[in-house]
């Protein structure tokens, strides 16, 4: 019944920007942590950015200063603003919204391709 819907993926040129959005619906639980992860074929999924319900953020070193995560707790949404995109940012990006350390709601992933 719980649904996680991601949007905003696509093709962008190096140096460009893209915004990913994620909405979770149908859950009676409060979300304490929201985040974005990404995965390249043949590699493990890695953390990109997270934000707590209190607004504390955490970023991977590779995206610090370029990516920004924002959440709207009331609307159960989380957004990832990606700037100065590099080819190495190419990946499938997954939204995760967590009730606690053992209960997570994952999106199906949205493709981001950074290429000229």
PDB file of N, CA and C in Angstrom:
ATOM      1  N   UNK A   1       0.813  -1.204   0.000  1.00  0.00           N
ATOM      2  CA  UNK A   1       0.000   0.000   0.000  1.00  0.00           C
ATOM      3  C   UNK A   1       0.853   1.264   0.000  1.00  0.00           C
ATOM      4  N   UNK A   2       1.989   1.173   0.656  1.00  0.00           N
ATOM      5  CA  UNK A   2       2.915   2.303   0.652  1.00  0.00           C
ATOM      6  C   UNK A   2       3.540   2.428  -0.729  1.00  0.00           C
ATOM      7  N   UNK A   3       3.582   3.629  -1.232  1.00  0.00           N
ATOM      8  CA  UNK A   3       4.160   3.887  -2.539  1.00  0.00           C
ATOM      9  C   UNK A   3       5.222   4.974  -2.454  1.00  0.00           C
ATOM     10  N   UNK A   4       6.297   4.761  -3.182  1.00  0.00           N
ATOM     11  CA  UNK A   4       7.358   5.744  -3.282  1.00  0.00           C
ATOM     12  C   UNK A   4       7.516   6.082  -4.758  1.00  0.00           C
ATOM     13  N   UNK A   5       7.293   7.317  -5.099  1.00  0.00           N
ATOM     14  CA  UNK A   5       7.324   7.748  -6.484  1.00  0.00           C
ATOM     15  C   UNK A   5       8.441   8.760  -6.687  1.00  0.00           C
ATOM     16  N   UNK A   6       9.337   8.447  -7.617  1.00  0.00           N
ATOM     17  CA  UNK A   6      10.457   9.306  -7.949  1.00  0.00           C
ATOM     18  C   UNK A   6      10.228   9.958  -9.297  1.00  0.00           C
ATOM     19  N   UNK A   7      10.789  11.134  -9.456  1.00  0.00           N
ATOM     20  CA  UNK A   7      10.683  11.826 -10.729  1.00  0.00           C
ATOM     21  C   UNK A   7      11.877  12.750 -10.907  1.00  0.00           C
ATOM     22  N   UNK A   8      12.118  13.154 -12.133  1.00  0.00           N
ATOM     23  CA  UNK A   8      13.146  14.135 -12.415  1.00  0.00           C
ATOM     24  C   UNK A   8      14.391  13.621 -13.103  1.00  0.00           C
ATOM     25  N   UNK A   9      14.504  12.321 -13.269  1.00  0.00           N
ATOM     26  CA  UNK A   9      15.673  11.779 -13.936  1.00  0.00           C
ATOM     27  C   UNK A   9      15.672  12.108 -15.415  1.00  0.00           C
ATOM     28  N   UNK A  10      16.834  11.932 -16.026  1.00  0.00           N
ATOM     29  CA  UNK A  10      16.935  12.199 -17.443  1.00  0.00           C
ATOM     30  C   UNK A  10      18.361  12.393 -17.893  1.00  0.00           C
ATOM     31  N   UNK A  11      18.495  12.932 -19.086  1.00  0.00           N
ATOM     32  CA  UNK A  11      19.795  13.185 -19.697  1.00  0.00           C
ATOM     33  C   UNK A  11      20.163  14.653 -19.554  1.00  0.00           C
ATOM     34  N   UNK A  12      21.384  14.902 -19.118  1.00  0.00           N
ATOM     35  CA  UNK A  12      21.850  16.268 -18.944  1.00  0.00           C
ATOM     36  C   UNK A  12      23.319  16.347 -19.334  1.00  0.00           C
ATOM     37  N   UNK A  13      23.740  17.486 -19.830  1.00  0.00           N
ATOM     38  CA  UNK A  13      25.131  17.683 -20.218  1.00  0.00           C
ATOM     39  C   UNK A  13      26.009  17.949 -19.004  1.00  0.00           C
ATOM     40  N   UNK A  14      27.290  17.606 -19.094  1.00  0.00           N
ATOM     41  CA  UNK A  14      28.209  17.927 -17.996  1.00  0.00           C
ATOM     42  C   UNK A  14      28.143  19.414 -17.654  1.00  0.00           C
ATOM     43  N   UNK A  15      28.137  19.697 -16.363  1.00  0.00           N
ATOM     44  CA  UNK A  15      28.014  21.068 -15.909  1.00  0.00           C
ATOM     45  C   UNK A  15      26.589  21.517 -15.709  1.00  0.00           C
ATOM     46  N   UNK A  16      25.659  20.728 -16.164  1.00  0.00           N
ATOM     47  CA  UNK A  16      24.261  21.070 -16.044  1.00  0.00           C
ATOM     48  C   UNK A  16      23.675  20.695 -14.694  1.00  0.00           C
ATOM     49  N   UNK A  17      22.378  20.920 -14.564  1.00  0.00           N
ATOM     50  CA  UNK A  17      21.678  20.660 -13.315  1.00  0.00           C
ATOM     51  C   UNK A  17      20.452  19.795 -13.545  1.00  0.00           C
ATOM     52  N   UNK A  18      20.063  19.119 -12.496  1.00  0.00           N
ATOM     53  CA  UNK A  18      18.896  18.266 -12.536  1.00  0.00           C
ATOM     54  C   UNK A  18      18.321  18.193 -11.129  1.00  0.00           C
ATOM     55  N   UNK A  19      17.019  18.077 -11.036  1.00  0.00           N
ATOM     56  CA  UNK A  19      16.371  17.973  -9.740  1.00  0.00           C
ATOM     57  C   UNK A  19      15.543  16.700  -9.665  1.00  0.00           C
ATOM     58  N   UNK A  20      15.811  15.904  -8.655  1.00  0.00           N
ATOM     59  CA  UNK A  20      15.063  14.688  -8.407  1.00  0.00           C
ATOM     60  C   UNK A  20      14.094  14.909  -7.253  1.00  0.00           C
ATOM     61  N   UNK A  21      12.905  14.350  -7.382  1.00  0.00           N
ATOM     62  CA  UNK A  21      11.902  14.476  -6.333  1.00  0.00           C
ATOM     63  C   UNK A  21      11.366  13.100  -5.969  1.00  0.00           C
ATOM     64  N   UNK A  22      10.943  12.975  -4.732  1.00  0.00           N
ATOM     65  CA  UNK A  22      10.442  11.701  -4.237  1.00  0.00           C
ATOM     66  C   UNK A  22       9.299  11.946  -3.264  1.00  0.00           C
ATOM     67  N   UNK A  23       8.227  11.199  -3.454  1.00  0.00           N
ATOM     68  CA  UNK A  23       7.065  11.285  -2.581  1.00  0.00           C
ATOM     69  C   UNK A  23       6.702   9.900  -2.069  1.00  0.00           C
ATOM     70  N   UNK A  24       6.503   9.789  -0.777  1.00  0.00           N
ATOM     71  CA  UNK A  24       6.007   8.549  -0.199  1.00  0.00           C
ATOM     72  C   UNK A  24       4.575   8.790   0.255  1.00  0.00           C
ATOM     73  N   UNK A  25       3.712   7.846  -0.065  1.00  0.00           N
ATOM     74  CA  UNK A  25       2.308   7.981   0.297  1.00  0.00           C
ATOM     75  C   UNK A  25       1.774   6.655   0.814  1.00  0.00           C
ATOM     76  N   UNK A  26       0.679   6.726   1.533  1.00  0.00           N
ATOM     77  CA  UNK A  26       0.026   5.532   2.021  1.00  0.00           C
ATOM     78  C   UNK A  26       0.603   4.946   3.287  1.00  0.00           C
ATOM     79  N   UNK A  27       1.471   5.673   3.947  1.00  0.00           N
ATOM     80  CA  UNK A  27       2.062   5.173   5.185  1.00  0.00           C
ATOM     81  C   UNK A  27       1.555   5.955   6.387  1.00  0.00           C
ATOM     82  N   UNK A  28       1.193   5.234   7.450  1.00  0.00           N
ATOM     83  CA  UNK A  28       0.791   5.916   8.683  1.00  0.00           C
ATOM     84  C   UNK A  28       1.979   6.250   9.576  1.00  0.00           C
ATOM     85  N   UNK A  29       3.176   5.845   9.146  1.00  0.00           N
ATOM     86  CA  UNK A  29       4.362   6.030   9.964  1.00  0.00           C
ATOM     87  C   UNK A  29       5.024   7.372   9.710  1.00  0.00           C
ATOM     88  N   UNK A  30       5.689   7.856  10.730  1.00  0.00           N
ATOM     89  CA  UNK A  30       6.491   9.064  10.588  1.00  0.00           C
ATOM     90  C   UNK A  30       7.851   8.698  10.012  1.00  0.00           C
ATOM     91  N   UNK A  31       8.359   9.530   9.129  1.00  0.00           N
ATOM     92  CA  UNK A  31       9.645   9.298   8.503  1.00  0.00           C
ATOM     93  C   UNK A  31      10.702  10.084   9.255  1.00  0.00           C
ATOM     94  N   UNK A  32      11.734   9.381   9.713  1.00  0.00           N
ATOM     95  CA  UNK A  32      12.789  10.058  10.464  1.00  0.00           C
ATOM     96  C   UNK A  32      13.999  10.402   9.612  1.00  0.00           C
ATOM     97  N   UNK A  33      14.149   9.683   8.497  1.00  0.00           N
ATOM     98  CA  UNK A  33      15.300   9.918   7.639  1.00  0.00           C
ATOM     99  C   UNK A  33      14.904   9.746   6.181  1.00  0.00           C
ATOM    100  N   UNK A  34      15.295  10.684   5.378  1.00  0.00           N
ATOM    101  CA  UNK A  34      15.053  10.623   3.939  1.00  0.00           C
ATOM    102  C   UNK A  34      16.379  10.760   3.213  1.00  0.00           C
ATOM    103  N   UNK A  35      16.506  10.034   2.121  1.00  0.00           N
ATOM    104  CA  UNK A  35      17.774  10.110   1.428  1.00  0.00           C
ATOM    105  C   UNK A  35      17.742   9.620   0.002  1.00  0.00           C
ATOM    106  N   UNK A  36      18.856   9.844  -0.664  1.00  0.00           N
ATOM    107  CA  UNK A  36      19.072   9.392  -2.025  1.00  0.00           C
ATOM    108  C   UNK A  36      20.329   8.555  -2.104  1.00  0.00           C
ATOM    109  N   UNK A  37      20.236   7.465  -2.838  1.00  0.00           N
ATOM    110  CA  UNK A  37      21.348   6.578  -3.093  1.00  0.00           C
ATOM    111  C   UNK A  37      21.481   6.416  -4.598  1.00  0.00           C
ATOM    112  N   UNK A  38      22.634   5.955  -5.047  1.00  0.00           N
ATOM    113  CA  UNK A  38      22.800   5.727  -6.476  1.00  0.00           C
ATOM    114  C   UNK A  38      23.617   4.469  -6.713  1.00  0.00           C
ATOM    115  N   UNK A  39      23.421   3.906  -7.895  1.00  0.00           N
ATOM    116  CA  UNK A  39      24.103   2.670  -8.221  1.00  0.00           C
ATOM    117  C   UNK A  39      24.468   2.637  -9.698  1.00  0.00           C
ATOM    118  N   UNK A  40      25.708   2.274  -9.947  1.00  0.00           N
ATOM    119  CA  UNK A  40      26.222   2.071 -11.296  1.00  0.00           C
ATOM    120  C   UNK A  40      26.310   0.567 -11.525  1.00  0.00           C
ATOM    121  N   UNK A  41      25.966   0.084 -12.710  1.00  0.00           N
ATOM    122  CA  UNK A  41      26.075  -1.354 -12.976  1.00  0.00           C
ATOM    123  C   UNK A  41      27.451  -1.897 -12.614  1.00  0.00           C
ATOM    124  N   UNK A  42      27.467  -3.004 -11.875  1.00  0.00           N
ATOM    125  CA  UNK A  42      28.715  -3.610 -11.464  1.00  0.00           C
ATOM    126  C   UNK A  42      29.279  -3.074 -10.168  1.00  0.00           C
ATOM    127  N   UNK A  43      28.642  -2.067  -9.613  1.00  0.00           N
ATOM    128  CA  UNK A  43      29.098  -1.483  -8.364  1.00  0.00           C
ATOM    129  C   UNK A  43      27.996  -1.552  -7.314  1.00  0.00           C
ATOM    130  N   UNK A  44      28.384  -1.358  -6.076  1.00  0.00           N
ATOM    131  CA  UNK A  44      27.412  -1.395  -5.002  1.00  0.00           C
ATOM    132  C   UNK A  44      26.692  -0.051  -4.892  1.00  0.00           C
ATOM    133  N   UNK A  45      25.516  -0.102  -4.339  1.00  0.00           N
ATOM    134  CA  UNK A  45      24.743   1.109  -4.136  1.00  0.00           C
ATOM    135  C   UNK A  45      25.427   1.977  -3.080  1.00  0.00           C
ATOM    136  N   UNK A  46      25.511   3.263  -3.343  1.00  0.00           N
ATOM    137  CA  UNK A  46      26.179   4.157  -2.429  1.00  0.00           C
ATOM    138  C   UNK A  46      25.279   5.305  -2.011  1.00  0.00           C
ATOM    139  N   UNK A  47      25.536   5.794  -0.818  1.00  0.00           N
ATOM    140  CA  UNK A  47      24.796   6.927  -0.296  1.00  0.00           C
ATOM    141  C   UNK A  47      25.203   8.198  -1.021  1.00  0.00           C
ATOM    142  N   UNK A  48      24.224   8.996  -1.367  1.00  0.00           N
ATOM    143  CA  UNK A  48      24.471  10.295  -1.981  1.00  0.00           C
ATOM    144  C   UNK A  48      24.233  11.406  -0.971  1.00  0.00           C
ATOM    145  N   UNK A  49      23.053  11.403  -0.379  1.00  0.00           N
ATOM    146  CA  UNK A  49      22.705  12.431   0.593  1.00  0.00           C
ATOM    147  C   UNK A  49      21.549  11.969   1.448  1.00  0.00           C
ATOM    148  N   UNK A  50      21.528  12.399   2.697  1.00  0.00           N
ATOM    149  CA  UNK A  50      20.415  12.114   3.591  1.00  0.00           C
ATOM    150  C   UNK A  50      20.040  13.370   4.353  1.00  0.00           C
ATOM    151  N   UNK A  51      18.825  13.368   4.842  1.00  0.00           N
ATOM    152  CA  UNK A  51      18.355  14.464   5.683  1.00  0.00           C
ATOM    153  C   UNK A  51      17.416  13.903   6.726  1.00  0.00           C
ATOM    154  N   UNK A  52      17.624  14.292   7.974  1.00  0.00           N
ATOM    155  CA  UNK A  52      16.768  13.842   9.058  1.00  0.00           C
ATOM    156  C   UNK A  52      15.508  14.691   9.111  1.00  0.00           C
ATOM    157  N   UNK A  53      14.545  14.220   9.885  1.00  0.00           N
ATOM    158  CA  UNK A  53      13.318  14.979  10.054  1.00  0.00           C
ATOM    159  C   UNK A  53      13.584  16.325  10.718  1.00  0.00           C
ATOM    160  N   UNK A  54      14.705  16.422  11.419  1.00  0.00           N
ATOM    161  CA  UNK A  54      15.091  17.670  12.051  1.00  0.00           C
ATOM    162  C   UNK A  54      15.898  18.591  11.161  1.00  0.00           C
ATOM    163  N   UNK A  55      16.223  18.124   9.955  1.00  0.00           N
ATOM    164  CA  UNK A  55      16.922  18.967   9.002  1.00  0.00           C
ATOM    165  C   UNK A  55      18.423  18.775   8.922  1.00  0.00           C
ATOM    166  N   UNK A  56      18.961  17.808   9.639  1.00  0.00           N
ATOM    167  CA  UNK A  56      20.390  17.536   9.577  1.00  0.00           C
ATOM    168  C   UNK A  56      20.726  16.793   8.296  1.00  0.00           C
ATOM    169  N   UNK A  57      21.699  17.294   7.558  1.00  0.00           N
ATOM    170  CA  UNK A  57      22.056  16.702   6.271  1.00  0.00           C
ATOM    171  C   UNK A  57      23.398  15.994   6.314  1.00  0.00           C
ATOM    172  N   UNK A  58      23.549  15.049   5.403  1.00  0.00           N
ATOM    173  CA  UNK A  58      24.786  14.316   5.241  1.00  0.00           C
ATOM    174  C   UNK A  58      24.992  14.060   3.753  1.00  0.00           C
ATOM    175  N   UNK A  59      26.202  14.343   3.261  1.00  0.00           N
ATOM    176  CA  UNK A  59      26.496  14.189   1.844  1.00  0.00           C
ATOM    177  C   UNK A  59      27.733  13.344   1.631  1.00  0.00           C
ATOM    178  N   UNK A  60      27.715  12.594   0.552  1.00  0.00           N
ATOM    179  CA  UNK A  60      28.924  11.919   0.125  1.00  0.00           C
ATOM    180  C   UNK A  60      29.947  12.965  -0.276  1.00  0.00           C
ATOM    181  N   UNK A  61      31.214  12.682  -0.016  1.00  0.00           N
ATOM    182  CA  UNK A  61      32.265  13.639  -0.345  1.00  0.00           C
ATOM    183  C   UNK A  61      32.267  14.005  -1.830  1.00  0.00           C
ATOM    184  N   UNK A  62      31.909  13.058  -2.661  1.00  0.00           N
ATOM    185  CA  UNK A  62      31.953  13.266  -4.096  1.00  0.00           C
ATOM    186  C   UNK A  62      30.917  14.266  -4.600  1.00  0.00           C
ATOM    187  N   UNK A  63      29.901  14.541  -3.799  1.00  0.00           N
ATOM    188  CA  UNK A  63      28.847  15.453  -4.239  1.00  0.00           C
ATOM    189  C   UNK A  63      28.748  16.707  -3.392  1.00  0.00           C
ATOM    190  N   UNK A  64      29.550  16.786  -2.353  1.00  0.00           N
ATOM    191  CA  UNK A  64      29.510  17.942  -1.470  1.00  0.00           C
ATOM    192  C   UNK A  64      29.758  19.238  -2.226  1.00  0.00           C
ATOM    193  N   UNK A  65      28.919  20.205  -1.968  1.00  0.00           N
ATOM    194  CA  UNK A  65      29.038  21.486  -2.631  1.00  0.00           C
ATOM    195  C   UNK A  65      28.331  21.560  -3.960  1.00  0.00           C
ATOM    196  N   UNK A  66      27.922  20.416  -4.481  1.00  0.00           N
ATOM    197  CA  UNK A  66      27.243  20.375  -5.770  1.00  0.00           C
ATOM    198  C   UNK A  66      25.788  19.941  -5.643  1.00  0.00           C
ATOM    199  N   UNK A  67      25.541  18.989  -4.756  1.00  0.00           N
ATOM    200  CA  UNK A  67      24.198  18.466  -4.546  1.00  0.00           C
ATOM    201  C   UNK A  67      23.625  19.020  -3.247  1.00  0.00           C
ATOM    202  N   UNK A  68      22.318  19.209  -3.246  1.00  0.00           N
ATOM    203  CA  UNK A  68      21.646  19.709  -2.056  1.00  0.00           C
ATOM    204  C   UNK A  68      20.338  18.956  -1.857  1.00  0.00           C
ATOM    205  N   UNK A  69      20.126  18.482  -0.626  1.00  0.00           N
ATOM    206  CA  UNK A  69      18.931  17.726  -0.314  1.00  0.00           C
ATOM    207  C   UNK A  69      18.007  18.565   0.567  1.00  0.00           C
ATOM    208  N   UNK A  70      16.729  18.533   0.231  1.00  0.00           N
ATOM    209  CA  UNK A  70      15.725  19.289   0.961  1.00  0.00           C
ATOM    210  C   UNK A  70      14.504  18.401   1.167  1.00  0.00           C
ATOM    211  N   UNK A  71      13.901  18.471   2.338  1.00  0.00           N
ATOM    212  CA  UNK A  71      12.719  17.677   2.629  1.00  0.00           C
ATOM    213  C   UNK A  71      11.567  18.546   3.088  1.00  0.00           C
ATOM    214  N   UNK A  72      10.386  18.091   2.796  1.00  0.00           N
ATOM    215  CA  UNK A  72       9.172  18.690   3.320  1.00  0.00           C
ATOM    216  C   UNK A  72       8.494  17.592   4.121  1.00  0.00           C
ATOM    217  N   UNK A  73       8.665  17.643   5.415  1.00  0.00           N
ATOM    218  CA  UNK A  73       8.153  16.576   6.272  1.00  0.00           C
ATOM    219  C   UNK A  73       6.632  16.452   6.218  1.00  0.00           C
ATOM    220  N   UNK A  74       5.957  17.569   6.133  1.00  0.00           N
ATOM    221  CA  UNK A  74       4.503  17.552   6.110  1.00  0.00           C
ATOM    222  C   UNK A  74       3.965  16.890   4.850  1.00  0.00           C
ATOM    223  N   UNK A  75       4.668  17.068   3.739  1.00  0.00           N
ATOM    224  CA  UNK A  75       4.237  16.510   2.466  1.00  0.00           C
ATOM    225  C   UNK A  75       4.872  15.163   2.158  1.00  0.00           C
ATOM    226  N   UNK A  76       5.778  14.721   3.027  1.00  0.00           N
ATOM    227  CA  UNK A  76       6.497  13.464   2.824  1.00  0.00           C
ATOM    228  C   UNK A  76       7.270  13.442   1.508  1.00  0.00           C
ATOM    229  N   UNK A  77       7.893  14.554   1.209  1.00  0.00           N
ATOM    230  CA  UNK A  77       8.686  14.639  -0.001  1.00  0.00           C
ATOM    231  C   UNK A  77      10.143  14.938   0.316  1.00  0.00           C
ATOM    232  N   UNK A  78      11.003  14.550  -0.583  1.00  0.00           N
ATOM    233  CA  UNK A  78      12.412  14.876  -0.491  1.00  0.00           C
ATOM    234  C   UNK A  78      12.914  15.165  -1.899  1.00  0.00           C
ATOM    235  N   UNK A  79      13.731  16.184  -2.003  1.00  0.00           N
ATOM    236  CA  UNK A  79      14.236  16.633  -3.288  1.00  0.00           C
ATOM    237  C   UNK A  79      15.754  16.653  -3.278  1.00  0.00           C
ATOM    238  N   UNK A  80      16.343  16.265  -4.381  1.00  0.00           N
ATOM    239  CA  UNK A  80      17.790  16.341  -4.545  1.00  0.00           C
ATOM    240  C   UNK A  80      18.090  17.263  -5.710  1.00  0.00           C
ATOM    241  N   UNK A  81      18.653  18.415  -5.402  1.00  0.00           N
ATOM    242  CA  UNK A  81      19.086  19.349  -6.425  1.00  0.00           C
ATOM    243  C   UNK A  81      20.526  19.028  -6.783  1.00  0.00           C
ATOM    244  N   UNK A  82      20.767  18.688  -8.032  1.00  0.00           N
ATOM    245  CA  UNK A  82      22.091  18.291  -8.489  1.00  0.00           C
ATOM    246  C   UNK A  82      22.624  19.343  -9.448  1.00  0.00           C
ATOM    247  N   UNK A  83      23.736  19.949  -9.082  1.00  0.00           N
ATOM    248  CA  UNK A  83      24.362  20.981  -9.883  1.00  0.00           C
ATOM    249  C   UNK A  83      25.764  20.558 -10.303  1.00  0.00           C
ATOM    250  N   UNK A  84      26.281  21.242 -11.304  1.00  0.00           N
ATOM    251  CA  UNK A  84      27.633  20.968 -11.807  1.00  0.00           C
ATOM    252  C   UNK A  84      27.845  19.478 -12.033  1.00  0.00           C
ATOM    253  N   UNK A  85      26.916  18.881 -12.709  1.00  0.00           N
ATOM    254  CA  UNK A  85      26.941  17.437 -12.902  1.00  0.00           C
ATOM    255  C   UNK A  85      28.136  16.981 -13.730  1.00  0.00           C
ATOM    256  N   UNK A  86      28.660  15.834 -13.347  1.00  0.00           N
ATOM    257  CA  UNK A  86      29.805  15.228 -14.003  1.00  0.00           C
ATOM    258  C   UNK A  86      29.402  13.885 -14.598  1.00  0.00           C
ATOM    259  N   UNK A  87      30.130  13.417 -15.600  1.00  0.00           N
ATOM    260  CA  UNK A  87      29.823  12.100 -16.165  1.00  0.00           C
ATOM    261  C   UNK A  87      29.808  10.995 -15.120  1.00  0.00           C
ATOM    262  N   UNK A  88      30.656  11.096 -14.115  1.00  0.00           N
ATOM    263  CA  UNK A  88      30.701  10.086 -13.073  1.00  0.00           C
ATOM    264  C   UNK A  88      29.482  10.100 -12.156  1.00  0.00           C
ATOM    265  N   UNK A  89      28.615  11.092 -12.309  1.00  0.00           N
ATOM    266  CA  UNK A  89      27.357  11.112 -11.573  1.00  0.00           C
ATOM    267  C   UNK A  89      26.305  10.230 -12.233  1.00  0.00           C
ATOM    268  N   UNK A  90      26.603   9.752 -13.421  1.00  0.00           N
ATOM    269  CA  UNK A  90      25.676   8.884 -14.133  1.00  0.00           C
ATOM    270  C   UNK A  90      25.396   7.627 -13.316  1.00  0.00           C
ATOM    271  N   UNK A  91      24.132   7.366 -13.060  1.00  0.00           N
ATOM    272  CA  UNK A  91      23.733   6.227 -12.248  1.00  0.00           C
ATOM    273  C   UNK A  91      22.219   6.172 -12.176  1.00  0.00           C
ATOM    274  N   UNK A  92      21.733   5.092 -11.602  1.00  0.00           N
ATOM    275  CA  UNK A  92      20.331   5.024 -11.227  1.00  0.00           C
ATOM    276  C   UNK A  92      20.228   5.538  -9.803  1.00  0.00           C
ATOM    277  N   UNK A  93      19.385   6.511  -9.606  1.00  0.00           N
ATOM    278  CA  UNK A  93      19.231   7.127  -8.298  1.00  0.00           C
ATOM    279  C   UNK A  93      17.982   6.592  -7.616  1.00  0.00           C
ATOM    280  N   UNK A  94      18.146   6.192  -6.368  1.00  0.00           N
ATOM    281  CA  UNK A  94      17.061   5.609  -5.589  1.00  0.00           C
ATOM    282  C   UNK A  94      16.715   6.473  -4.388  1.00  0.00           C
ATOM    283  N   UNK A  95      15.452   6.701  -4.201  1.00  0.00           N
ATOM    284  CA  UNK A  95      14.959   7.410  -3.035  1.00  0.00           C
ATOM    285  C   UNK A  95      14.674   6.419  -1.915  1.00  0.00           C
ATOM    286  N   UNK A  96      15.037   6.796  -0.714  1.00  0.00           N
ATOM    287  CA  UNK A  96      14.727   5.980   0.446  1.00  0.00           C
ATOM    288  C   UNK A  96      14.140   6.843   1.550  1.00  0.00           C
ATOM    289  N   UNK A  97      13.027   6.396   2.086  1.00  0.00           N
ATOM    290  CA  UNK A  97      12.415   7.066   3.221  1.00  0.00           C
ATOM    291  C   UNK A  97      12.279   6.042   4.337  1.00  0.00           C
ATOM    292  N   UNK A  98      12.830   6.379   5.497  1.00  0.00           N
ATOM    293  CA  UNK A  98      12.984   5.409   6.571  1.00  0.00           C
ATOM    294  C   UNK A  98      12.168   5.755   7.804  1.00  0.00           C
ATOM    295  N   UNK A  99      11.500   4.730   8.321  1.00  0.00           N
ATOM    296  CA  UNK A  99      10.772   4.853   9.575  1.00  0.00           C
ATOM    297  C   UNK A  99      11.733   4.689  10.741  1.00  0.00           C
ATOM    298  N   UNK A 100      12.617   3.703  10.609  1.00  0.00           N
ATOM    299  CA  UNK A 100      13.680   3.467  11.567  1.00  0.00           C
ATOM    300  C   UNK A 100      14.786   2.720  10.839  1.00  0.00           C
ATOM    301  N   UNK A 101      15.757   2.206  11.585  1.00  0.00           N
ATOM    302  CA  UNK A 101      16.891   1.538  10.962  1.00  0.00           C
ATOM    303  C   UNK A 101      16.533   0.230  10.267  1.00  0.00           C
ATOM    304  N   UNK A 102      15.383  -0.318  10.583  1.00  0.00           N
ATOM    305  CA  UNK A 102      14.992  -1.607  10.027  1.00  0.00           C
ATOM    306  C   UNK A 102      13.841  -1.539   9.032  1.00  0.00           C
ATOM    307  N   UNK A 103      13.243  -0.391   8.891  1.00  0.00           N
ATOM    308  CA  UNK A 103      12.087  -0.261   8.019  1.00  0.00           C
ATOM    309  C   UNK A 103      12.266   0.913   7.064  1.00  0.00           C
ATOM    310  N   UNK A 104      12.443   0.563   5.804  1.00  0.00           N
ATOM    311  CA  UNK A 104      12.705   1.550   4.768  1.00  0.00           C
ATOM    312  C   UNK A 104      11.727   1.398   3.615  1.00  0.00           C
ATOM    313  N   UNK A 105      11.400   2.501   3.024  1.00  0.00           N
ATOM    314  CA  UNK A 105      10.588   2.516   1.814  1.00  0.00           C
ATOM    315  C   UNK A 105      11.468   3.014   0.676  1.00  0.00           C
ATOM    316  N   UNK A 106      11.641   2.158  -0.324  1.00  0.00           N
ATOM    317  CA  UNK A 106      12.518   2.461  -1.452  1.00  0.00           C
ATOM    318  C   UNK A 106      11.729   2.749  -2.720  1.00  0.00           C
ATOM    319  N   UNK A 107      12.226   3.682  -3.482  1.00  0.00           N
ATOM    320  CA  UNK A 107      11.693   3.893  -4.809  1.00  0.00           C
ATOM    321  C   UNK A 107      12.299   2.891  -5.772  1.00  0.00           C
ATOM    322  N   UNK A 108      11.771   2.848  -6.973  1.00  0.00           N
ATOM    323  CA  UNK A 108      12.252   1.902  -7.975  1.00  0.00           C
ATOM    324  C   UNK A 108      13.475   2.404  -8.736  1.00  0.00           C
ATOM    325  N   UNK A 109      13.828   3.639  -8.528  1.00  0.00           N
ATOM    326  CA  UNK A 109      14.999   4.199  -9.162  1.00  0.00           C
ATOM    327  C   UNK A 109      14.667   5.031 -10.383  1.00  0.00           C
ATOM    328  N   UNK A 110      15.455   6.053 -10.590  1.00  0.00           N
ATOM    329  CA  UNK A 110      15.311   6.900 -11.761  1.00  0.00           C
ATOM    330  C   UNK A 110      16.693   7.124 -12.372  1.00  0.00           C
ATOM    331  N   UNK A 111      16.774   6.994 -13.679  1.00  0.00           N
ATOM    332  CA  UNK A 111      18.061   7.056 -14.375  1.00  0.00           C
ATOM    333  C   UNK A 111      18.512   8.495 -14.580  1.00  0.00           C
ATOM    334  N   UNK A 112      19.771   8.736 -14.240  1.00  0.00           N
ATOM    335  CA  UNK A 112      20.409  10.015 -14.517  1.00  0.00           C
ATOM    336  C   UNK A 112      21.620   9.754 -15.392  1.00  0.00           C
ATOM    337  N   UNK A 113      21.656  10.387 -16.544  1.00  0.00           N
ATOM    338  CA  UNK A 113      22.777  10.240 -17.473  1.00  0.00           C
ATOM    339  C   UNK A 113      23.386  11.603 -17.716  1.00  0.00           C
ATOM    340  N   UNK A 114      24.670  11.711 -17.432  1.00  0.00           N
ATOM    341  CA  UNK A 114      25.399  12.959 -17.650  1.00  0.00           C
ATOM    342  C   UNK A 114      26.374  12.718 -18.790  1.00  0.00           C
ATOM    343  N   UNK A 115      26.081  13.297 -19.922  1.00  0.00           N
ATOM    344  CA  UNK A 115      26.883  13.056 -21.109  1.00  0.00           C
ATOM    345  C   UNK A 115      26.706  14.179 -22.104  1.00  0.00           C
ATOM    346  N   UNK A 116      27.780  14.451 -22.837  1.00  0.00           N
ATOM    347  CA  UNK A 116      27.709  15.429 -23.904  1.00  0.00           C
ATOM    348  C   UNK A 116      27.123  14.816 -25.163  1.00  0.00           C
TER     349      UNK A 116
END
